[in-house]
Amino acid sequence: MTDQDPKQAPDEQRPGSLCAPYAQIVLVEPEIPNNTGNIGRTCVTAGFGLQLVHPLGFDIDEKACRRAGLDYWPRLALSEHADLDCYERDRPRDVGIWLFTTKASKTLYEADMKPGDHLVFGRESQGLPRELIERYPERQVCIPMQPNERSLNLSTSVGIAAYEFVRKMIVSSTVQVNKNGRVL
C-alpha cells in the first residue's frame, strides 16, 4: 500500500518529468560546455528534454559541462544526434518546431507553442544553419532586443524561451503552480 493518490501519475511519469518532458530544447552544434551545462540545468528545472546535434565543440563529459549542470545532469532527459540530417529524420512530424534566430520578424511571444514542441537554437558563434532556417520560414522566432544589438548568450536565450513556454502552459491551464511555486 502506498500513500500516493492513484489518480496522480508517479513523478517519473508525470508531464515535465525525465520520462515525459513538456518540450525539447535542441542545440545545433553547441560550442561552449558551460552554456550547455547551464542549459541542461534549465531543462531539468523547467521540465524539458535536451537534444544535442553533433558535432559538439567539446566532449559531453567535459568537466565544465558537468560543473555548470551541477547535480542536475544525471536527471537530464538527454538525446544526441550525429548531425542535423539525423535530427531531422528522428524528429516526430507531429510536433512543432520553433527556430530561434535574430533574423526572425515574429517574436517567441507570438508563437503558438504546444506541449511536445522542439525549441531549436544554433551555435554560439554563428546561430542556426542557413538551410534549416530557409526550410522553415514560418517557424522562425526571435527574442526582442534593442536595435543594433547582436544577440544574447545562448544559455540566457534558452532560459527565456523555456520559461515563456512554461508561462504559456500555465496560462492555458496545461499545468498548474502549487502554493510553493512548483509546477504540477
C-alpha atoms as a PDB file:
ATOM      1  CA  MET A   1       0.000   0.000   0.000  1.00  0.00           C
ATOM      2  CA  THR A   2       1.288   3.478  -0.887  1.00  0.00           C
ATOM      3  CA  ASP A   3       0.365   6.991   0.148  1.00  0.00           C
ATOM      4  CA  GLN A   4       0.217   8.072  -3.483  1.00  0.00           C
ATOM      5  CA  ASP A   5      -3.075   9.243  -4.955  1.00  0.00           C
ATOM      6  CA  PRO A   6      -3.967   6.597  -7.593  1.00  0.00           C
ATOM      7  CA  LYS A   7      -5.221   9.357  -9.937  1.00  0.00           C
ATOM      8  CA  GLN A   8      -1.820  11.037  -9.920  1.00  0.00           C
ATOM      9  CA  ALA A   9       0.998   9.605 -12.049  1.00  0.00           C
ATOM     10  CA  PRO A  10       4.259   8.773 -10.313  1.00  0.00           C
ATOM     11  CA  ASP A  11       6.801  11.594 -10.545  1.00  0.00           C
ATOM     12  CA  GLU A  12       8.829   9.800 -13.196  1.00  0.00           C
ATOM     13  CA  GLN A  13       5.747   9.524 -15.471  1.00  0.00           C
ATOM     14  CA  ARG A  14       4.111  12.914 -14.994  1.00  0.00           C
ATOM     15  CA  PRO A  15       4.436  15.564 -17.741  1.00  0.00           C
ATOM     16  CA  GLY A  16       7.578  17.593 -17.230  1.00  0.00           C
ATOM     17  CA  SER A  17       9.456  14.631 -15.774  1.00  0.00           C
ATOM     18  CA  LEU A  18      12.513  12.865 -17.159  1.00  0.00           C
ATOM     19  CA  CYS A  19      10.304  10.354 -18.999  1.00  0.00           C
ATOM     20  CA  ALA A  20       7.688  12.833 -20.238  1.00  0.00           C
ATOM     21  CA  PRO A  21       9.259  16.272 -20.817  1.00  0.00           C
ATOM     22  CA  TYR A  22       6.948  19.200 -21.658  1.00  0.00           C
ATOM     23  CA  ALA A  23       9.037  20.017 -24.726  1.00  0.00           C
ATOM     24  CA  GLN A  24      12.532  19.641 -26.143  1.00  0.00           C
ATOM     25  CA  ILE A  25      15.373  22.133 -26.263  1.00  0.00           C
ATOM     26  CA  VAL A  26      17.514  21.351 -29.298  1.00  0.00           C
ATOM     27  CA  LEU A  27      21.063  22.710 -29.535  1.00  0.00           C
ATOM     28  CA  VAL A  28      22.564  22.514 -33.010  1.00  0.00           C
ATOM     29  CA  GLU A  29      26.363  22.201 -32.783  1.00  0.00           C
ATOM     30  CA  PRO A  30      26.866  23.958 -29.420  1.00  0.00           C
ATOM     31  CA  GLU A  31      30.424  25.164 -28.832  1.00  0.00           C
ATOM     32  CA  ILE A  32      30.719  26.163 -25.175  1.00  0.00           C
ATOM     33  CA  PRO A  33      30.450  23.496 -22.457  1.00  0.00           C
ATOM     34  CA  ASN A  34      29.416  25.941 -19.716  1.00  0.00           C
ATOM     35  CA  ASN A  35      26.438  27.090 -21.784  1.00  0.00           C
ATOM     36  CA  THR A  36      25.363  23.509 -22.435  1.00  0.00           C
ATOM     37  CA  GLY A  37      25.741  22.649 -18.736  1.00  0.00           C
ATOM     38  CA  ASN A  38      23.608  25.638 -17.733  1.00  0.00           C
ATOM     39  CA  ILE A  39      21.040  24.753 -20.394  1.00  0.00           C
ATOM     40  CA  GLY A  40      20.908  21.178 -19.084  1.00  0.00           C
ATOM     41  CA  ARG A  41      20.153  22.522 -15.610  1.00  0.00           C
ATOM     42  CA  THR A  42      17.441  24.795 -17.024  1.00  0.00           C
ATOM     43  CA  CYS A  43      15.917  21.823 -18.857  1.00  0.00           C
ATOM     44  CA  VAL A  44      15.712  19.782 -15.659  1.00  0.00           C
ATOM     45  CA  THR A  45      14.181  22.607 -13.587  1.00  0.00           C
ATOM     46  CA  ALA A  46      11.702  23.586 -16.319  1.00  0.00           C
ATOM     47  CA  GLY A  47      10.720  20.003 -17.275  1.00  0.00           C
ATOM     48  CA  PHE A  48      12.300  19.890 -20.742  1.00  0.00           C
ATOM     49  CA  GLY A  49      14.369  17.329 -22.589  1.00  0.00           C
ATOM     50  CA  LEU A  50      17.674  18.332 -24.195  1.00  0.00           C
ATOM     51  CA  GLN A  51      18.734  17.193 -27.649  1.00  0.00           C
ATOM     52  CA  LEU A  52      22.278  17.822 -28.846  1.00  0.00           C
ATOM     53  CA  VAL A  53      23.068  17.844 -32.559  1.00  0.00           C
ATOM     54  CA  HIS A  54      26.706  16.984 -33.338  1.00  0.00           C
ATOM     55  CA  PRO A  55      29.383  17.975 -33.955  1.00  0.00           C
ATOM     56  CA  LEU A  56      29.824  19.471 -30.494  1.00  0.00           C
ATOM     57  CA  GLY A  57      32.609  21.911 -29.726  1.00  0.00           C
ATOM     58  CA  PHE A  58      33.523  19.909 -26.613  1.00  0.00           C
ATOM     59  CA  ASP A  59      33.368  16.463 -25.060  1.00  0.00           C
ATOM     60  CA  ILE A  60      29.986  15.874 -23.382  1.00  0.00           C
ATOM     61  CA  ASP A  61      31.784  14.513 -20.328  1.00  0.00           C
ATOM     62  CA  GLU A  62      33.909  17.634 -20.108  1.00  0.00           C
ATOM     63  CA  LYS A  63      34.327  18.935 -16.573  1.00  0.00           C
ATOM     64  CA  ALA A  64      32.970  22.414 -17.379  1.00  0.00           C
ATOM     65  CA  CYS A  65      29.733  20.973 -18.765  1.00  0.00           C
ATOM     66  CA  ARG A  66      29.179  18.792 -15.702  1.00  0.00           C
ATOM     67  CA  ARG A  67      30.188  21.569 -13.310  1.00  0.00           C
ATOM     68  CA  ALA A  68      27.754  24.062 -14.861  1.00  0.00           C
ATOM     69  CA  GLY A  69      24.955  21.462 -14.683  1.00  0.00           C
ATOM     70  CA  LEU A  70      25.926  20.510 -11.128  1.00  0.00           C
ATOM     71  CA  ASP A  71      23.996  17.562  -9.769  1.00  0.00           C
ATOM     72  CA  TYR A  72      21.149  18.154 -12.250  1.00  0.00           C
ATOM     73  CA  TRP A  73      22.948  16.473 -15.174  1.00  0.00           C
ATOM     74  CA  PRO A  74      22.079  12.869 -14.135  1.00  0.00           C
ATOM     75  CA  ARG A  75      18.350  13.793 -14.177  1.00  0.00           C
ATOM     76  CA  LEU A  76      18.510  15.315 -17.647  1.00  0.00           C
ATOM     77  CA  ALA A  77      16.489  13.665 -20.442  1.00  0.00           C
ATOM     78  CA  LEU A  78      19.353  13.849 -22.944  1.00  0.00           C
ATOM     79  CA  SER A  79      19.369  12.722 -26.587  1.00  0.00           C
ATOM     80  CA  GLU A  80      22.128  13.085 -29.134  1.00  0.00           C
ATOM     81  CA  HIS A  81      22.056  13.139 -32.938  1.00  0.00           C
ATOM     82  CA  ALA A  82      25.074  12.531 -35.190  1.00  0.00           C
ATOM     83  CA  ASP A  83      24.225  15.559 -37.348  1.00  0.00           C
ATOM     84  CA  LEU A  84      21.385  17.818 -38.453  1.00  0.00           C
ATOM     85  CA  ASP A  85      20.116  15.296 -41.032  1.00  0.00           C
ATOM     86  CA  CYS A  86      19.794  12.646 -38.309  1.00  0.00           C
ATOM     87  CA  TYR A  87      17.922  15.076 -36.060  1.00  0.00           C
ATOM     88  CA  GLU A  88      15.538  15.964 -38.889  1.00  0.00           C
ATOM     89  CA  ARG A  89      14.950  12.287 -39.641  1.00  0.00           C
ATOM     90  CA  ASP A  90      14.403  11.412 -35.959  1.00  0.00           C
ATOM     91  CA  ARG A  91      12.148  14.366 -35.090  1.00  0.00           C
ATOM     92  CA  PRO A  92       8.493  13.303 -34.843  1.00  0.00           C
ATOM     93  CA  ARG A  93       6.485  15.014 -37.600  1.00  0.00           C
ATOM     94  CA  ASP A  94       3.523  15.633 -35.297  1.00  0.00           C
ATOM     95  CA  VAL A  95       5.393  18.102 -33.053  1.00  0.00           C
ATOM     96  CA  GLY A  96       6.060  21.734 -33.770  1.00  0.00           C
ATOM     97  CA  ILE A  97       9.498  23.137 -34.362  1.00  0.00           C
ATOM     98  CA  TRP A  98      10.482  26.697 -33.429  1.00  0.00           C
ATOM     99  CA  LEU A  99      13.747  28.081 -34.761  1.00  0.00           C
ATOM    100  CA  PHE A 100      15.279  30.820 -32.627  1.00  0.00           C
ATOM    101  CA  THR A 101      17.107  33.340 -34.786  1.00  0.00           C
ATOM    102  CA  THR A 102      17.858  37.050 -34.563  1.00  0.00           C
ATOM    103  CA  LYS A 103      16.716  37.297 -38.191  1.00  0.00           C
ATOM    104  CA  ALA A 104      13.062  36.459 -37.433  1.00  0.00           C
ATOM    105  CA  SER A 105      10.357  39.107 -37.504  1.00  0.00           C
ATOM    106  CA  LYS A 106       7.953  37.151 -35.254  1.00  0.00           C
ATOM    107  CA  THR A 107       8.729  37.037 -31.535  1.00  0.00           C
ATOM    108  CA  LEU A 108       8.532  33.998 -29.287  1.00  0.00           C
ATOM    109  CA  TYR A 109       5.577  35.724 -27.606  1.00  0.00           C
ATOM    110  CA  GLU A 110       3.582  35.356 -30.836  1.00  0.00           C
ATOM    111  CA  ALA A 111       4.459  31.675 -31.348  1.00  0.00           C
ATOM    112  CA  ASP A 112       1.707  29.138 -30.720  1.00  0.00           C
ATOM    113  CA  MET A 113       3.927  26.750 -28.770  1.00  0.00           C
ATOM    114  CA  LYS A 114       2.390  23.476 -27.664  1.00  0.00           C
ATOM    115  CA  PRO A 115       3.490  20.574 -25.428  1.00  0.00           C
ATOM    116  CA  GLY A 116       5.980  18.364 -27.213  1.00  0.00           C
ATOM    117  CA  ASP A 117       7.341  21.146 -29.429  1.00  0.00           C
ATOM    118  CA  HIS A 118      11.036  21.484 -30.210  1.00  0.00           C
ATOM    119  CA  LEU A 119      12.710  24.827 -29.463  1.00  0.00           C
ATOM    120  CA  VAL A 120      15.812  24.889 -31.666  1.00  0.00           C
ATOM    121  CA  PHE A 121      18.913  27.033 -31.096  1.00  0.00           C
ATOM    122  CA  GLY A 122      22.117  27.359 -33.093  1.00  0.00           C
ATOM    123  CA  ARG A 123      25.731  27.503 -32.068  1.00  0.00           C
ATOM    124  CA  GLU A 124      27.094  30.437 -30.150  1.00  0.00           C
ATOM    125  CA  SER A 125      29.298  31.859 -32.918  1.00  0.00           C
ATOM    126  CA  GLN A 126      27.003  31.548 -35.943  1.00  0.00           C
ATOM    127  CA  GLY A 127      23.443  30.661 -34.949  1.00  0.00           C
ATOM    128  CA  LEU A 128      21.401  28.154 -36.924  1.00  0.00           C
ATOM    129  CA  PRO A 129      22.483  26.851 -40.326  1.00  0.00           C
ATOM    130  CA  ARG A 130      21.008  28.860 -43.190  1.00  0.00           C
ATOM    131  CA  GLU A 131      19.494  25.772 -44.860  1.00  0.00           C
ATOM    132  CA  LEU A 132      17.495  24.946 -41.719  1.00  0.00           C
ATOM    133  CA  ILE A 133      16.187  28.494 -41.410  1.00  0.00           C
ATOM    134  CA  GLU A 134      15.200  28.544 -45.085  1.00  0.00           C
ATOM    135  CA  ARG A 135      13.374  25.213 -44.712  1.00  0.00           C
ATOM    136  CA  TYR A 136      11.011  26.583 -42.016  1.00  0.00           C
ATOM    137  CA  PRO A 137      10.350  30.277 -42.745  1.00  0.00           C
ATOM    138  CA  GLU A 138       7.036  30.279 -40.845  1.00  0.00           C
ATOM    139  CA  ARG A 139       8.600  28.682 -37.741  1.00  0.00           C
ATOM    140  CA  GLN A 140      11.255  31.326 -37.056  1.00  0.00           C
ATOM    141  CA  VAL A 141      11.022  33.359 -33.859  1.00  0.00           C
ATOM    142  CA  CYS A 142      13.227  35.828 -32.054  1.00  0.00           C
ATOM    143  CA  ILE A 143      13.651  37.242 -28.583  1.00  0.00           C
ATOM    144  CA  PRO A 144      13.056  41.011 -28.767  1.00  0.00           C
ATOM    145  CA  MET A 145      16.183  43.119 -28.256  1.00  0.00           C
ATOM    146  CA  GLN A 146      17.214  46.732 -28.563  1.00  0.00           C
ATOM    147  CA  PRO A 147      18.036  47.956 -32.092  1.00  0.00           C
ATOM    148  CA  ASN A 148      21.607  47.360 -33.256  1.00  0.00           C
ATOM    149  CA  GLU A 149      22.351  44.712 -30.602  1.00  0.00           C
ATOM    150  CA  ARG A 150      23.705  41.456 -31.987  1.00  0.00           C
ATOM    151  CA  SER A 151      22.450  38.653 -29.738  1.00  0.00           C
ATOM    152  CA  LEU A 152      22.021  37.213 -26.264  1.00  0.00           C
ATOM    153  CA  ASN A 153      24.088  34.471 -24.662  1.00  0.00           C
ATOM    154  CA  LEU A 154      22.806  31.027 -25.719  1.00  0.00           C
ATOM    155  CA  SER A 155      22.108  29.907 -22.159  1.00  0.00           C
ATOM    156  CA  THR A 156      20.191  33.127 -21.457  1.00  0.00           C
ATOM    157  CA  SER A 157      18.163  32.723 -24.663  1.00  0.00           C
ATOM    158  CA  VAL A 158      17.196  29.151 -23.808  1.00  0.00           C
ATOM    159  CA  GLY A 159      16.165  30.231 -20.295  1.00  0.00           C
ATOM    160  CA  ILE A 160      13.930  32.980 -21.680  1.00  0.00           C
ATOM    161  CA  ALA A 161      12.350  30.628 -24.234  1.00  0.00           C
ATOM    162  CA  ALA A 162      11.866  27.754 -21.797  1.00  0.00           C
ATOM    163  CA  TYR A 163      10.110  29.858 -19.217  1.00  0.00           C
ATOM    164  CA  GLU A 164       7.969  31.636 -21.805  1.00  0.00           C
ATOM    165  CA  PHE A 165       6.859  28.141 -22.823  1.00  0.00           C
ATOM    166  CA  VAL A 166       6.109  27.275 -19.176  1.00  0.00           C
ATOM    167  CA  ARG A 167       4.218  30.585 -18.769  1.00  0.00           C
ATOM    168  CA  LYS A 168       2.066  29.744 -21.800  1.00  0.00           C
ATOM    169  CA  MET A 169       1.290  26.324 -20.320  1.00  0.00           C
ATOM    170  CA  ILE A 170       0.269  27.929 -17.015  1.00  0.00           C
ATOM    171  CA  VAL A 171      -1.964  30.464 -18.787  1.00  0.00           C
ATOM    172  CA  SER A 172      -3.611  27.665 -20.819  1.00  0.00           C
ATOM    173  CA  SER A 173      -4.067  25.587 -17.628  1.00  0.00           C
ATOM    174  CA  THR A 174      -1.974  22.781 -19.134  1.00  0.00           C
ATOM    175  CA  VAL A 175      -0.006  22.915 -15.889  1.00  0.00           C
ATOM    176  CA  GLN A 176      -0.654  24.499 -12.514  1.00  0.00           C
ATOM    177  CA  VAL A 177       1.661  26.047  -9.961  1.00  0.00           C
ATOM    178  CA  ASN A 178       1.281  24.999  -6.324  1.00  0.00           C
ATOM    179  CA  LYS A 179       1.441  27.307  -3.300  1.00  0.00           C
ATOM    180  CA  ASN A 180       5.218  26.717  -3.090  1.00  0.00           C
ATOM    181  CA  GLY A 181       5.792  27.915  -6.656  1.00  0.00           C
ATOM    182  CA  ARG A 182       6.322  24.418  -8.051  1.00  0.00           C
ATOM    183  CA  VAL A 183       4.816  23.267 -11.323  1.00  0.00           C
ATOM    184  CA  LEU A 184       2.327  20.404 -11.078  1.00  0.00           C
END
